[in-house]
Amino acid sequence: MAASLSLTAELAAGLVTGVDLWKNMQNTIFSLLSIVNLFTLARRIEGRIGSEHLVPSKDVET
């Protein structure tokens, strides 16, 4: 009986540890996705700002 209680306690502790690891992994994945989204947004903004400078203005005589 004591062995089964010990096994149950170990399984419960392992389950809690597994849940903690899963939550940490999810947080890591979401953080990486957020960083990728920020870089993508920055590139889009840079592309829009940069393209304005590459196109000559119609007011400027060549």
PDB file of N, CA and C in Angstrom:
ATOM      1  N   MET A   1       0.827  -1.199   0.000  1.00  0.00           N
ATOM      2  CA  MET A   1       0.000   0.000   0.000  1.00  0.00           C
ATOM      3  C   MET A   1       0.865   1.254   0.000  1.00  0.00           C
ATOM      4  N   ALA A   2       1.924   1.232   0.808  1.00  0.00           N
ATOM      5  CA  ALA A   2       2.807   2.397   0.875  1.00  0.00           C
ATOM      6  C   ALA A   2       3.520   2.602  -0.457  1.00  0.00           C
ATOM      7  N   ALA A   3       3.828   1.491  -1.140  1.00  0.00           N
ATOM      8  CA  ALA A   3       4.512   1.601  -2.432  1.00  0.00           C
ATOM      9  C   ALA A   3       3.603   2.255  -3.463  1.00  0.00           C
ATOM     10  N   SER A   4       2.314   1.904  -3.440  1.00  0.00           N
ATOM     11  CA  SER A   4       1.400   2.502  -4.413  1.00  0.00           C
ATOM     12  C   SER A   4       1.168   3.982  -4.113  1.00  0.00           C
ATOM     13  N   LEU A   5       1.154   4.345  -2.821  1.00  0.00           N
ATOM     14  CA  LEU A   5       1.012   5.760  -2.471  1.00  0.00           C
ATOM     15  C   LEU A   5       2.239   6.544  -2.911  1.00  0.00           C
ATOM     16  N   SER A   6       3.413   5.923  -2.736  1.00  0.00           N
ATOM     17  CA  SER A   6       4.648   6.577  -3.162  1.00  0.00           C
ATOM     18  C   SER A   6       4.654   6.754  -4.678  1.00  0.00           C
ATOM     19  N   LEU A   7       4.207   5.715  -5.381  1.00  0.00           N
ATOM     20  CA  LEU A   7       4.144   5.786  -6.840  1.00  0.00           C
ATOM     21  C   LEU A   7       3.150   6.855  -7.280  1.00  0.00           C
ATOM     22  N   THR A   8       2.011   6.925  -6.615  1.00  0.00           N
ATOM     23  CA  THR A   8       1.006   7.943  -6.933  1.00  0.00           C
ATOM     24  C   THR A   8       1.560   9.341  -6.692  1.00  0.00           C
ATOM     25  N   ALA A   9       2.287   9.513  -5.600  1.00  0.00           N
ATOM     26  CA  ALA A   9       2.880  10.818  -5.304  1.00  0.00           C
ATOM     27  C   ALA A   9       3.922  11.185  -6.359  1.00  0.00           C
ATOM     28  N   GLU A  10       4.716  10.201  -6.784  1.00  0.00           N
ATOM     29  CA  GLU A  10       5.718  10.471  -7.813  1.00  0.00           C
ATOM     30  C   GLU A  10       5.063  10.807  -9.145  1.00  0.00           C
ATOM     31  N   LEU A  11       3.992  10.095  -9.476  1.00  0.00           N
ATOM     32  CA  LEU A  11       3.277  10.388 -10.718  1.00  0.00           C
ATOM     33  C   LEU A  11       2.664  11.780 -10.679  1.00  0.00           C
ATOM     34  N   ALA A  12       2.100  12.153  -9.543  1.00  0.00           N
ATOM     35  CA  ALA A  12       1.510  13.486  -9.404  1.00  0.00           C
ATOM     36  C   ALA A  12       2.586  14.560  -9.524  1.00  0.00           C
ATOM     37  N   ALA A  13       3.735  14.329  -8.895  1.00  0.00           N
ATOM     38  CA  ALA A  13       4.831  15.297  -8.984  1.00  0.00           C
ATOM     39  C   ALA A  13       5.339  15.391 -10.418  1.00  0.00           C
ATOM     40  N   GLY A  14       5.414  14.249 -11.084  1.00  0.00           N
ATOM     41  CA  GLY A  14       5.838  14.244 -12.489  1.00  0.00           C
ATOM     42  C   GLY A  14       4.847  14.961 -13.380  1.00  0.00           C
ATOM     43  N   LEU A  15       3.568  14.796 -13.094  1.00  0.00           N
ATOM     44  CA  LEU A  15       2.532  15.472 -13.874  1.00  0.00           C
ATOM     45  C   LEU A  15       2.627  16.980 -13.702  1.00  0.00           C
ATOM     46  N   VAL A  16       2.825  17.420 -12.465  1.00  0.00           N
ATOM     47  CA  VAL A  16       2.972  18.853 -12.200  1.00  0.00           C
ATOM     48  C   VAL A  16       4.207  19.392 -12.915  1.00  0.00           C
ATOM     49  N   THR A  17       5.309  18.637 -12.855  1.00  0.00           N
ATOM     50  CA  THR A  17       6.532  19.055 -13.540  1.00  0.00           C
ATOM     51  C   THR A  17       6.310  19.104 -15.046  1.00  0.00           C
ATOM     52  N   GLY A  18       5.605  18.110 -15.571  1.00  0.00           N
ATOM     53  CA  GLY A  18       5.304  18.084 -17.005  1.00  0.00           C
ATOM     54  C   GLY A  18       4.456  19.271 -17.425  1.00  0.00           C
ATOM     55  N   VAL A  19       3.479  19.624 -16.613  1.00  0.00           N
ATOM     56  CA  VAL A  19       2.624  20.775 -16.915  1.00  0.00           C
ATOM     57  C   VAL A  19       3.448  22.055 -16.884  1.00  0.00           C
ATOM     58  N   ASP A  20       4.336  22.178 -15.902  1.00  0.00           N
ATOM     59  CA  ASP A  20       5.205  23.356 -15.827  1.00  0.00           C
ATOM     60  C   ASP A  20       6.108  23.449 -17.055  1.00  0.00           C
ATOM     61  N   LEU A  21       6.673  22.315 -17.471  1.00  0.00           N
ATOM     62  CA  LEU A  21       7.530  22.312 -18.657  1.00  0.00           C
ATOM     63  C   LEU A  21       6.734  22.690 -19.899  1.00  0.00           C
ATOM     64  N   TRP A  22       5.502  22.174 -20.011  1.00  0.00           N
ATOM     65  CA  TRP A  22       4.646  22.488 -21.154  1.00  0.00           C
ATOM     66  C   TRP A  22       4.326  23.984 -21.193  1.00  0.00           C
ATOM     67  N   LYS A  23       4.022  24.558 -20.030  1.00  0.00           N
ATOM     68  CA  LYS A  23       3.726  25.998 -19.973  1.00  0.00           C
ATOM     69  C   LYS A  23       4.958  26.815 -20.344  1.00  0.00           C
ATOM     70  N   ASN A  24       6.119  26.403 -19.858  1.00  0.00           N
ATOM     71  CA  ASN A  24       7.357  27.105 -20.204  1.00  0.00           C
ATOM     72  C   ASN A  24       7.639  27.020 -21.702  1.00  0.00           C
ATOM     73  N   MET A  25       7.388  25.832 -22.275  1.00  0.00           N
ATOM     74  CA  MET A  25       7.611  25.659 -23.704  1.00  0.00           C
ATOM     75  C   MET A  25       6.647  26.542 -24.502  1.00  0.00           C
ATOM     76  N   GLN A  26       5.394  26.608 -24.080  1.00  0.00           N
ATOM     77  CA  GLN A  26       4.426  27.473 -24.756  1.00  0.00           C
ATOM     78  C   GLN A  26       4.847  28.934 -24.667  1.00  0.00           C
ATOM     79  N   ASN A  27       5.286  29.357 -23.500  1.00  0.00           N
ATOM     80  CA  ASN A  27       5.736  30.743 -23.337  1.00  0.00           C
ATOM     81  C   ASN A  27       6.928  31.043 -24.238  1.00  0.00           C
ATOM     82  N   THR A  28       7.842  30.090 -24.344  1.00  0.00           N
ATOM     83  CA  THR A  28       9.005  30.278 -25.210  1.00  0.00           C
ATOM     84  C   THR A  28       8.583  30.397 -26.664  1.00  0.00           C
ATOM     85  N   ILE A  29       7.678  29.524 -27.094  1.00  0.00           N
ATOM     86  CA  ILE A  29       7.205  29.564 -28.479  1.00  0.00           C
ATOM     87  C   ILE A  29       6.494  30.881 -28.762  1.00  0.00           C
ATOM     88  N   PHE A  30       5.624  31.311 -27.855  1.00  0.00           N
ATOM     89  CA  PHE A  30       4.908  32.569 -28.059  1.00  0.00           C
ATOM     90  C   PHE A  30       5.867  33.753 -28.072  1.00  0.00           C
ATOM     91  N   SER A  31       6.900  33.702 -27.241  1.00  0.00           N
ATOM     92  CA  SER A  31       7.891  34.785 -27.235  1.00  0.00           C
ATOM     93  C   SER A  31       8.638  34.840 -28.562  1.00  0.00           C
ATOM     94  N   LEU A  32       9.041  33.682 -29.066  1.00  0.00           N
ATOM     95  CA  LEU A  32       9.748  33.651 -30.347  1.00  0.00           C
ATOM     96  C   LEU A  32       8.855  34.143 -31.479  1.00  0.00           C
ATOM     97  N   LEU A  33       7.583  33.745 -31.464  1.00  0.00           N
ATOM     98  CA  LEU A  33       6.658  34.219 -32.493  1.00  0.00           C
ATOM     99  C   LEU A  33       6.458  35.723 -32.400  1.00  0.00           C
ATOM    100  N   SER A  34       6.403  36.246 -31.195  1.00  0.00           N
ATOM    101  CA  SER A  34       6.253  37.693 -31.021  1.00  0.00           C
ATOM    102  C   SER A  34       7.462  38.431 -31.580  1.00  0.00           C
ATOM    103  N   ILE A  35       8.658  37.897 -31.329  1.00  0.00           N
ATOM    104  CA  ILE A  35       9.874  38.526 -31.855  1.00  0.00           C
ATOM    105  C   ILE A  35       9.865  38.500 -33.381  1.00  0.00           C
ATOM    106  N   VAL A  36       9.472  37.365 -33.959  1.00  0.00           N
ATOM    107  CA  VAL A  36       9.403  37.259 -35.421  1.00  0.00           C
ATOM    108  C   VAL A  36       8.383  38.251 -35.971  1.00  0.00           C
ATOM    109  N   ASN A  37       7.235  38.376 -35.295  1.00  0.00           N
ATOM    110  CA  ASN A  37       6.220  39.329 -35.746  1.00  0.00           C
ATOM    111  C   ASN A  37       6.730  40.760 -35.668  1.00  0.00           C
ATOM    112  N   LEU A  38       7.477  41.091 -34.629  1.00  0.00           N
ATOM    113  CA  LEU A  38       8.031  42.441 -34.516  1.00  0.00           C
ATOM    114  C   LEU A  38       9.024  42.727 -35.637  1.00  0.00           C
ATOM    115  N   PHE A  39       9.886  41.756 -35.952  1.00  0.00           N
ATOM    116  CA  PHE A  39      10.836  41.956 -37.042  1.00  0.00           C
ATOM    117  C   PHE A  39      10.119  42.090 -38.381  1.00  0.00           C
ATOM    118  N   THR A  40       9.069  41.292 -38.577  1.00  0.00           N
ATOM    119  CA  THR A  40       8.299  41.379 -39.816  1.00  0.00           C
ATOM    120  C   THR A  40       7.632  42.740 -39.939  1.00  0.00           C
ATOM    121  N   LEU A  41       7.050  43.212 -38.856  1.00  0.00           N
ATOM    122  CA  LEU A  41       6.417  44.533 -38.854  1.00  0.00           C
ATOM    123  C   LEU A  41       7.447  45.623 -39.127  1.00  0.00           C
ATOM    124  N   ALA A  42       8.616  45.507 -38.504  1.00  0.00           N
ATOM    125  CA  ALA A  42       9.668  46.502 -38.716  1.00  0.00           C
ATOM    126  C   ALA A  42      10.115  46.508 -40.175  1.00  0.00           C
ATOM    127  N   ARG A  43      10.222  45.349 -40.794  1.00  0.00           N
ATOM    128  CA  ARG A  43      10.625  45.286 -42.204  1.00  0.00           C
ATOM    129  C   ARG A  43       9.561  45.892 -43.104  1.00  0.00           C
ATOM    130  N   ARG A  44       8.286  45.661 -42.773  1.00  0.00           N
ATOM    131  CA  ARG A  44       7.211  46.262 -43.568  1.00  0.00           C
ATOM    132  C   ARG A  44       7.240  47.779 -43.459  1.00  0.00           C
ATOM    133  N   ILE A  45       7.405  48.272 -42.240  1.00  0.00           N
ATOM    134  CA  ILE A  45       7.462  49.725 -42.043  1.00  0.00           C
ATOM    135  C   ILE A  45       8.677  50.293 -42.769  1.00  0.00           C
ATOM    136  N   GLU A  46       9.810  49.618 -42.641  1.00  0.00           N
ATOM    137  CA  GLU A  46      11.031  50.078 -43.299  1.00  0.00           C
ATOM    138  C   GLU A  46      10.849  50.072 -44.812  1.00  0.00           C
ATOM    139  N   GLY A  47      10.173  49.070 -45.321  1.00  0.00           N
ATOM    140  CA  GLY A  47       9.918  48.993 -46.760  1.00  0.00           C
ATOM    141  C   GLY A  47       9.052  50.142 -47.238  1.00  0.00           C
ATOM    142  N   ARG A  48       8.053  50.493 -46.469  1.00  0.00           N
ATOM    143  CA  ARG A  48       7.173  51.596 -46.867  1.00  0.00           C
ATOM    144  C   ARG A  48       7.902  52.925 -46.802  1.00  0.00           C
ATOM    145  N   ILE A  49       8.675  53.122 -45.743  1.00  0.00           N
ATOM    146  CA  ILE A  49       9.418  54.378 -45.606  1.00  0.00           C
ATOM    147  C   ILE A  49      10.525  54.439 -46.655  1.00  0.00           C
ATOM    148  N   GLY A  50      11.230  53.325 -46.841  1.00  0.00           N
ATOM    149  CA  GLY A  50      12.329  53.295 -47.800  1.00  0.00           C
ATOM    150  C   GLY A  50      11.861  53.493 -49.230  1.00  0.00           C
ATOM    151  N   SER A  51      10.709  52.943 -49.598  1.00  0.00           N
ATOM    152  CA  SER A  51      10.228  53.067 -50.968  1.00  0.00           C
ATOM    153  C   SER A  51       9.843  54.504 -51.289  1.00  0.00           C
ATOM    154  N   GLU A  52       9.416  55.255 -50.297  1.00  0.00           N
ATOM    155  CA  GLU A  52       9.074  56.656 -50.539  1.00  0.00           C
ATOM    156  C   GLU A  52      10.309  57.449 -50.935  1.00  0.00           C
ATOM    157  N   HIS A  53      11.453  57.093 -50.370  1.00  0.00           N
ATOM    158  CA  HIS A  53      12.674  57.828 -50.670  1.00  0.00           C
ATOM    159  C   HIS A  53      13.272  57.406 -52.011  1.00  0.00           C
ATOM    160  N   LEU A  54      12.948  56.210 -52.475  1.00  0.00           N
ATOM    161  CA  LEU A  54      13.512  55.739 -53.733  1.00  0.00           C
ATOM    162  C   LEU A  54      12.757  56.299 -54.933  1.00  0.00           C
ATOM    163  N   VAL A  55      11.474  56.574 -54.772  1.00  0.00           N
ATOM    164  CA  VAL A  55      10.665  57.086 -55.878  1.00  0.00           C
ATOM    165  C   VAL A  55      10.864  58.595 -55.955  1.00  0.00           C
ATOM    166  N   PRO A  56      11.314  59.092 -57.106  1.00  0.00           N
ATOM    167  CA  PRO A  56      11.522  60.537 -57.199  1.00  0.00           C
ATOM    168  C   PRO A  56      10.198  61.296 -57.155  1.00  0.00           C
ATOM    169  N   SER A  57      10.246  62.432 -56.557  1.00  0.00           N
ATOM    170  CA  SER A  57       9.059  63.268 -56.458  1.00  0.00           C
ATOM    171  C   SER A  57       8.787  63.914 -57.805  1.00  0.00           C
ATOM    172  N   LYS A  58       7.518  64.124 -58.133  1.00  0.00           N
ATOM    173  CA  LYS A  58       7.163  64.731 -59.413  1.00  0.00           C
ATOM    174  C   LYS A  58       7.454  66.228 -59.410  1.00  0.00           C
ATOM    175  N   ASP A  59       7.614  66.812 -58.236  1.00  0.00           N
ATOM    176  CA  ASP A  59       7.881  68.243 -58.143  1.00  0.00           C
ATOM    177  C   ASP A  59       9.334  68.579 -58.462  1.00  0.00           C
ATOM    178  N   VAL A  60      10.208  67.612 -58.345  1.00  0.00           N
ATOM    179  CA  VAL A  60      11.634  67.863 -58.538  1.00  0.00           C
ATOM    180  C   VAL A  60      11.963  67.753 -60.019  1.00  0.00           C
ATOM    181  N   GLU A  61      12.627  68.768 -60.560  1.00  0.00           N
ATOM    182  CA  GLU A  61      13.036  68.732 -61.966  1.00  0.00           C
ATOM    183  C   GLU A  61      14.360  67.993 -62.084  1.00  0.00           C
ATOM    184  N   THR A  62      14.473  67.190 -63.134  1.00  0.00           N
ATOM    185  CA  THR A  62      15.724  66.448 -63.340  1.00  0.00           C
ATOM    186  C   THR A  62      16.562  67.109 -64.396  1.00  0.00           C
TER     187      THR A  62
END
